[in-house]
Amino acid sequence: MASSRADEVAELLWELKRADKISTFTLIARRAGFAAGNKGRAMMTTLKTVRRDWPHLHWWRAIADDGVLEAECEQLNMLKEAGFEFANVKDDGKQVIIKELEVHVMSWDDTPEPVAAVETEEEVAVAD
Protein backbone atom coordinates (compact mmCIF):
# COMPACT_ATOMS: atom_id res chain seq x y z
CA MET A 1 0.00 0.00 0.00
CA ALA A 2 1.33 3.43 -0.93
CA SER A 3 2.10 6.04 1.67
CA SER A 4 0.09 9.23 1.93
CA ARG A 5 3.25 11.01 0.82
CA ALA A 6 3.31 8.95 -2.36
CA ASP A 7 -0.43 9.55 -2.86
CA GLU A 8 0.13 13.31 -2.73
CA VAL A 9 3.11 13.17 -5.09
CA ALA A 10 1.12 10.98 -7.50
CA GLU A 11 -1.60 13.64 -7.64
CA LEU A 12 0.98 16.33 -8.33
CA LEU A 13 2.61 14.29 -11.07
CA TRP A 14 -0.81 13.96 -12.69
CA GLU A 15 -1.17 17.77 -12.54
CA LEU A 16 2.26 18.16 -14.13
CA LYS A 17 1.33 15.79 -16.94
CA ARG A 18 -1.92 17.66 -17.66
CA ALA A 19 -0.06 20.99 -17.67
CA ASP A 20 2.84 19.57 -19.73
CA LYS A 21 5.23 20.90 -17.09
CA ILE A 22 7.98 19.65 -14.83
CA SER A 23 8.81 20.65 -11.28
CA THR A 24 11.63 20.33 -8.79
CA PHE A 25 11.90 17.89 -5.93
CA THR A 26 11.60 20.71 -3.39
CA LEU A 27 8.56 22.34 -4.96
CA ILE A 28 6.72 19.02 -5.30
CA ALA A 29 7.60 17.90 -1.78
CA ARG A 30 6.50 21.22 -0.25
CA ARG A 31 3.22 21.06 -2.13
CA ALA A 32 2.75 17.48 -0.89
CA GLY A 33 3.46 18.55 2.70
CA PHE A 34 6.94 17.22 3.39
CA ALA A 35 10.59 18.17 2.97
CA ALA A 36 12.45 16.84 -0.07
CA GLY A 37 15.38 15.90 2.13
CA ASN A 38 19.11 16.26 1.72
CA LYS A 39 19.80 16.32 -2.03
CA GLY A 40 16.18 15.27 -2.60
CA ARG A 41 16.58 11.84 -1.00
CA ALA A 42 13.11 11.76 0.60
CA MET A 43 11.61 12.76 -2.71
CA MET A 44 13.58 10.11 -4.60
CA THR A 45 12.38 7.45 -2.14
CA THR A 46 8.80 8.63 -2.62
CA LEU A 47 9.23 8.51 -6.39
CA LYS A 48 10.32 4.86 -6.14
CA THR A 49 6.99 4.10 -4.46
CA VAL A 50 5.11 6.09 -7.09
CA ARG A 51 6.86 4.22 -9.90
CA ARG A 52 6.00 0.89 -8.29
CA ASP A 53 2.35 1.66 -7.49
CA TRP A 54 1.47 3.95 -10.42
CA PRO A 55 3.77 2.98 -13.30
CA HIS A 56 1.68 4.98 -15.77
CA LEU A 57 2.47 8.30 -14.06
CA HIS A 58 5.17 10.58 -15.40
CA TRP A 59 7.58 10.20 -12.45
CA TRP A 60 10.29 11.69 -14.66
CA ARG A 61 8.60 15.11 -14.48
CA ALA A 62 10.05 15.48 -10.96
CA ILE A 63 13.59 16.78 -11.37
CA ALA A 64 16.48 17.73 -9.13
CA ASP A 65 16.30 21.32 -7.92
CA ASP A 66 19.16 22.44 -10.15
CA GLY A 67 17.68 20.83 -13.27
CA VAL A 68 20.87 18.84 -13.90
CA LEU A 69 20.65 15.25 -15.11
CA GLU A 70 23.22 12.61 -15.86
CA ALA A 71 23.62 12.09 -19.58
CA GLU A 72 22.07 8.89 -20.93
CA CYS A 73 19.83 8.23 -17.92
CA GLU A 74 16.27 6.94 -18.21
CA GLN A 75 14.82 10.25 -17.00
CA LEU A 76 16.71 12.21 -19.64
CA ASN A 77 15.38 9.94 -22.37
CA MET A 78 11.80 10.36 -21.14
CA LEU A 79 12.14 14.14 -20.98
CA LYS A 80 13.61 14.23 -24.49
CA GLU A 81 10.71 12.14 -25.79
CA ALA A 82 8.34 14.68 -24.21
CA GLY A 83 10.08 17.46 -26.17
CA PHE A 84 12.31 19.06 -23.56
CA GLU A 85 15.64 20.34 -24.81
CA PHE A 86 18.98 20.14 -23.03
CA ALA A 87 22.41 21.74 -22.95
CA ASN A 88 25.66 20.26 -21.65
CA VAL A 89 26.66 21.47 -18.21
CA LYS A 90 30.35 21.00 -19.04
CA ASP A 91 32.23 20.13 -22.19
CA ASP A 92 32.65 16.52 -21.08
CA GLY A 93 28.97 15.78 -21.86
CA LYS A 94 28.41 13.77 -18.66
CA GLN A 95 25.72 16.09 -17.32
CA VAL A 96 22.99 18.08 -19.00
CA ILE A 97 20.55 20.75 -17.90
CA ILE A 98 17.08 21.51 -19.19
CA LYS A 99 17.08 24.56 -21.44
CA GLU A 100 14.82 27.38 -20.28
CA LEU A 101 14.22 25.55 -17.01
CA GLU A 102 12.25 28.40 -15.43
CA VAL A 103 9.74 28.33 -18.31
CA HIS A 104 8.99 24.63 -17.84
CA VAL A 105 8.81 24.47 -14.04
CA MET A 106 5.39 24.53 -12.41
CA SER A 107 5.60 26.08 -8.98
CA TRP A 108 2.02 26.08 -7.65
CA ASP A 109 2.50 29.58 -6.32
CA ASP A 110 -0.45 29.96 -3.98
CA THR A 111 0.66 33.35 -2.83
CA PRO A 112 -2.19 35.74 -3.56
CA GLU A 113 -1.44 38.85 -5.51
CA PRO A 114 -0.93 41.83 -3.22
CA VAL A 115 -3.93 44.07 -3.05
CA ALA A 116 -3.19 47.66 -3.92
CA ALA A 117 -3.58 49.85 -0.88
CA VAL A 118 -6.33 52.41 -1.10
CA GLU A 119 -5.42 55.59 0.65
CA THR A 120 -8.04 57.17 2.82
CA GLU A 121 -8.69 60.90 2.71
CA GLU A 122 -7.02 61.23 6.13
CA GLU A 123 -3.82 59.50 4.89
CA VAL A 124 -3.71 61.77 1.84
CA ALA A 125 -4.15 64.85 4.05
CA VAL A 126 -1.33 63.71 6.38
CA ALA A 127 0.99 63.04 3.43
CA ASP A 128 0.43 66.56 2.05
C-alpha atoms as a PDB file:
ATOM      1  CA  MET A   1       0.000   0.000   0.000  1.00  0.00           C
ATOM      2  CA  ALA A   2       1.328   3.426  -0.932  1.00  0.00           C
ATOM      3  CA  SER A   3       2.103   6.039   1.666  1.00  0.00           C
ATOM      4  CA  SER A   4       0.087   9.229   1.930  1.00  0.00           C
ATOM      5  CA  ARG A   5       3.253  11.011   0.815  1.00  0.00           C
ATOM      6  CA  ALA A   6       3.309   8.947  -2.358  1.00  0.00           C
ATOM      7  CA  ASP A   7      -0.431   9.554  -2.863  1.00  0.00           C
ATOM      8  CA  GLU A   8       0.133  13.311  -2.734  1.00  0.00           C
ATOM      9  CA  VAL A   9       3.110  13.166  -5.092  1.00  0.00           C
ATOM     10  CA  ALA A  10       1.119  10.982  -7.495  1.00  0.00           C
ATOM     11  CA  GLU A  11      -1.604  13.644  -7.641  1.00  0.00           C
ATOM     12  CA  LEU A  12       0.981  16.333  -8.325  1.00  0.00           C
ATOM     13  CA  LEU A  13       2.607  14.288 -11.071  1.00  0.00           C
ATOM     14  CA  TRP A  14      -0.811  13.962 -12.694  1.00  0.00           C
ATOM     15  CA  GLU A  15      -1.170  17.767 -12.544  1.00  0.00           C
ATOM     16  CA  LEU A  16       2.262  18.160 -14.135  1.00  0.00           C
ATOM     17  CA  LYS A  17       1.329  15.794 -16.943  1.00  0.00           C
ATOM     18  CA  ARG A  18      -1.919  17.660 -17.665  1.00  0.00           C
ATOM     19  CA  ALA A  19      -0.059  20.992 -17.673  1.00  0.00           C
ATOM     20  CA  ASP A  20       2.838  19.573 -19.733  1.00  0.00           C
ATOM     21  CA  LYS A  21       5.234  20.903 -17.088  1.00  0.00           C
ATOM     22  CA  ILE A  22       7.984  19.647 -14.829  1.00  0.00           C
ATOM     23  CA  SER A  23       8.813  20.650 -11.283  1.00  0.00           C
ATOM     24  CA  THR A  24      11.626  20.330  -8.793  1.00  0.00           C
ATOM     25  CA  PHE A  25      11.896  17.891  -5.926  1.00  0.00           C
ATOM     26  CA  THR A  26      11.603  20.707  -3.390  1.00  0.00           C
ATOM     27  CA  LEU A  27       8.558  22.339  -4.962  1.00  0.00           C
ATOM     28  CA  ILE A  28       6.719  19.022  -5.296  1.00  0.00           C
ATOM     29  CA  ALA A  29       7.605  17.900  -1.778  1.00  0.00           C
ATOM     30  CA  ARG A  30       6.504  21.219  -0.249  1.00  0.00           C
ATOM     31  CA  ARG A  31       3.222  21.060  -2.130  1.00  0.00           C
ATOM     32  CA  ALA A  32       2.749  17.475  -0.886  1.00  0.00           C
ATOM     33  CA  GLY A  33       3.462  18.552   2.699  1.00  0.00           C
ATOM     34  CA  PHE A  34       6.940  17.217   3.387  1.00  0.00           C
ATOM     35  CA  ALA A  35      10.592  18.174   2.973  1.00  0.00           C
ATOM     36  CA  ALA A  36      12.448  16.845  -0.073  1.00  0.00           C
ATOM     37  CA  GLY A  37      15.383  15.900   2.135  1.00  0.00           C
ATOM     38  CA  ASN A  38      19.110  16.263   1.717  1.00  0.00           C
ATOM     39  CA  LYS A  39      19.800  16.324  -2.031  1.00  0.00           C
ATOM     40  CA  GLY A  40      16.182  15.266  -2.604  1.00  0.00           C
ATOM     41  CA  ARG A  41      16.581  11.839  -0.998  1.00  0.00           C
ATOM     42  CA  ALA A  42      13.109  11.762   0.599  1.00  0.00           C
ATOM     43  CA  MET A  43      11.610  12.758  -2.709  1.00  0.00           C
ATOM     44  CA  MET A  44      13.580  10.109  -4.599  1.00  0.00           C
ATOM     45  CA  THR A  45      12.382   7.451  -2.141  1.00  0.00           C
ATOM     46  CA  THR A  46       8.804   8.629  -2.622  1.00  0.00           C
ATOM     47  CA  LEU A  47       9.230   8.506  -6.392  1.00  0.00           C
ATOM     48  CA  LYS A  48      10.323   4.858  -6.139  1.00  0.00           C
ATOM     49  CA  THR A  49       6.992   4.098  -4.461  1.00  0.00           C
ATOM     50  CA  VAL A  50       5.111   6.093  -7.091  1.00  0.00           C
ATOM     51  CA  ARG A  51       6.863   4.219  -9.896  1.00  0.00           C
ATOM     52  CA  ARG A  52       6.000   0.892  -8.286  1.00  0.00           C
ATOM     53  CA  ASP A  53       2.354   1.663  -7.495  1.00  0.00           C
ATOM     54  CA  TRP A  54       1.474   3.953 -10.417  1.00  0.00           C
ATOM     55  CA  PRO A  55       3.774   2.981 -13.300  1.00  0.00           C
ATOM     56  CA  HIS A  56       1.676   4.985 -15.772  1.00  0.00           C
ATOM     57  CA  LEU A  57       2.469   8.299 -14.056  1.00  0.00           C
ATOM     58  CA  HIS A  58       5.171  10.584 -15.397  1.00  0.00           C
ATOM     59  CA  TRP A  59       7.582  10.200 -12.454  1.00  0.00           C
ATOM     60  CA  TRP A  60      10.290  11.692 -14.658  1.00  0.00           C
ATOM     61  CA  ARG A  61       8.596  15.112 -14.481  1.00  0.00           C
ATOM     62  CA  ALA A  62      10.054  15.476 -10.964  1.00  0.00           C
ATOM     63  CA  ILE A  63      13.593  16.779 -11.370  1.00  0.00           C
ATOM     64  CA  ALA A  64      16.484  17.732  -9.133  1.00  0.00           C
ATOM     65  CA  ASP A  65      16.297  21.321  -7.916  1.00  0.00           C
ATOM     66  CA  ASP A  66      19.162  22.442 -10.147  1.00  0.00           C
ATOM     67  CA  GLY A  67      17.683  20.826 -13.266  1.00  0.00           C
ATOM     68  CA  VAL A  68      20.874  18.844 -13.902  1.00  0.00           C
ATOM     69  CA  LEU A  69      20.652  15.251 -15.109  1.00  0.00           C
ATOM     70  CA  GLU A  70      23.224  12.615 -15.856  1.00  0.00           C
ATOM     71  CA  ALA A  71      23.617  12.093 -19.583  1.00  0.00           C
ATOM     72  CA  GLU A  72      22.069   8.892 -20.933  1.00  0.00           C
ATOM     73  CA  CYS A  73      19.835   8.232 -17.922  1.00  0.00           C
ATOM     74  CA  GLU A  74      16.268   6.944 -18.215  1.00  0.00           C
ATOM     75  CA  GLN A  75      14.820  10.249 -16.999  1.00  0.00           C
ATOM     76  CA  LEU A  76      16.706  12.208 -19.640  1.00  0.00           C
ATOM     77  CA  ASN A  77      15.385   9.939 -22.371  1.00  0.00           C
ATOM     78  CA  MET A  78      11.803  10.357 -21.142  1.00  0.00           C
ATOM     79  CA  LEU A  79      12.138  14.142 -20.975  1.00  0.00           C
ATOM     80  CA  LYS A  80      13.611  14.235 -24.490  1.00  0.00           C
ATOM     81  CA  GLU A  81      10.708  12.140 -25.785  1.00  0.00           C
ATOM     82  CA  ALA A  82       8.345  14.677 -24.215  1.00  0.00           C
ATOM     83  CA  GLY A  83      10.077  17.456 -26.175  1.00  0.00           C
ATOM     84  CA  PHE A  84      12.307  19.061 -23.561  1.00  0.00           C
ATOM     85  CA  GLU A  85      15.643  20.336 -24.811  1.00  0.00           C
ATOM     86  CA  PHE A  86      18.984  20.140 -23.031  1.00  0.00           C
ATOM     87  CA  ALA A  87      22.408  21.739 -22.946  1.00  0.00           C
ATOM     88  CA  ASN A  88      25.658  20.261 -21.655  1.00  0.00           C
ATOM     89  CA  VAL A  89      26.655  21.474 -18.206  1.00  0.00           C
ATOM     90  CA  LYS A  90      30.346  20.998 -19.037  1.00  0.00           C
ATOM     91  CA  ASP A  91      32.226  20.135 -22.192  1.00  0.00           C
ATOM     92  CA  ASP A  92      32.649  16.523 -21.075  1.00  0.00           C
ATOM     93  CA  GLY A  93      28.973  15.776 -21.860  1.00  0.00           C
ATOM     94  CA  LYS A  94      28.415  13.771 -18.664  1.00  0.00           C
ATOM     95  CA  GLN A  95      25.722  16.088 -17.315  1.00  0.00           C
ATOM     96  CA  VAL A  96      22.992  18.082 -18.998  1.00  0.00           C
ATOM     97  CA  ILE A  97      20.547  20.747 -17.904  1.00  0.00           C
ATOM     98  CA  ILE A  98      17.081  21.507 -19.194  1.00  0.00           C
ATOM     99  CA  LYS A  99      17.078  24.564 -21.438  1.00  0.00           C
ATOM    100  CA  GLU A 100      14.819  27.383 -20.283  1.00  0.00           C
ATOM    101  CA  LEU A 101      14.216  25.553 -17.006  1.00  0.00           C
ATOM    102  CA  GLU A 102      12.249  28.401 -15.429  1.00  0.00           C
ATOM    103  CA  VAL A 103       9.742  28.330 -18.314  1.00  0.00           C
ATOM    104  CA  HIS A 104       8.989  24.634 -17.839  1.00  0.00           C
ATOM    105  CA  VAL A 105       8.807  24.466 -14.036  1.00  0.00           C
ATOM    106  CA  MET A 106       5.393  24.528 -12.407  1.00  0.00           C
ATOM    107  CA  SER A 107       5.600  26.082  -8.976  1.00  0.00           C
ATOM    108  CA  TRP A 108       2.024  26.084  -7.647  1.00  0.00           C
ATOM    109  CA  ASP A 109       2.502  29.579  -6.317  1.00  0.00           C
ATOM    110  CA  ASP A 110      -0.453  29.960  -3.981  1.00  0.00           C
ATOM    111  CA  THR A 111       0.662  33.349  -2.833  1.00  0.00           C
ATOM    112  CA  PRO A 112      -2.190  35.736  -3.558  1.00  0.00           C
ATOM    113  CA  GLU A 113      -1.439  38.854  -5.513  1.00  0.00           C
ATOM    114  CA  PRO A 114      -0.926  41.829  -3.221  1.00  0.00           C
ATOM    115  CA  VAL A 115      -3.933  44.067  -3.045  1.00  0.00           C
ATOM    116  CA  ALA A 116      -3.191  47.663  -3.922  1.00  0.00           C
ATOM    117  CA  ALA A 117      -3.582  49.849  -0.881  1.00  0.00           C
ATOM    118  CA  VAL A 118      -6.328  52.409  -1.101  1.00  0.00           C
ATOM    119  CA  GLU A 119      -5.421  55.595   0.649  1.00  0.00           C
ATOM    120  CA  THR A 120      -8.042  57.165   2.819  1.00  0.00           C
ATOM    121  CA  GLU A 121      -8.689  60.902   2.706  1.00  0.00           C
ATOM    122  CA  GLU A 122      -7.021  61.231   6.127  1.00  0.00           C
ATOM    123  CA  GLU A 123      -3.819  59.501   4.888  1.00  0.00           C
ATOM    124  CA  VAL A 124      -3.711  61.775   1.838  1.00  0.00           C
ATOM    125  CA  ALA A 125      -4.152  64.850   4.054  1.00  0.00           C
ATOM    126  CA  VAL A 126      -1.333  63.706   6.381  1.00  0.00           C
ATOM    127  CA  ALA A 127       0.988  63.044   3.428  1.00  0.00           C
ATOM    128  CA  ASP A 128       0.427  66.559   2.052  1.00  0.00           C
END
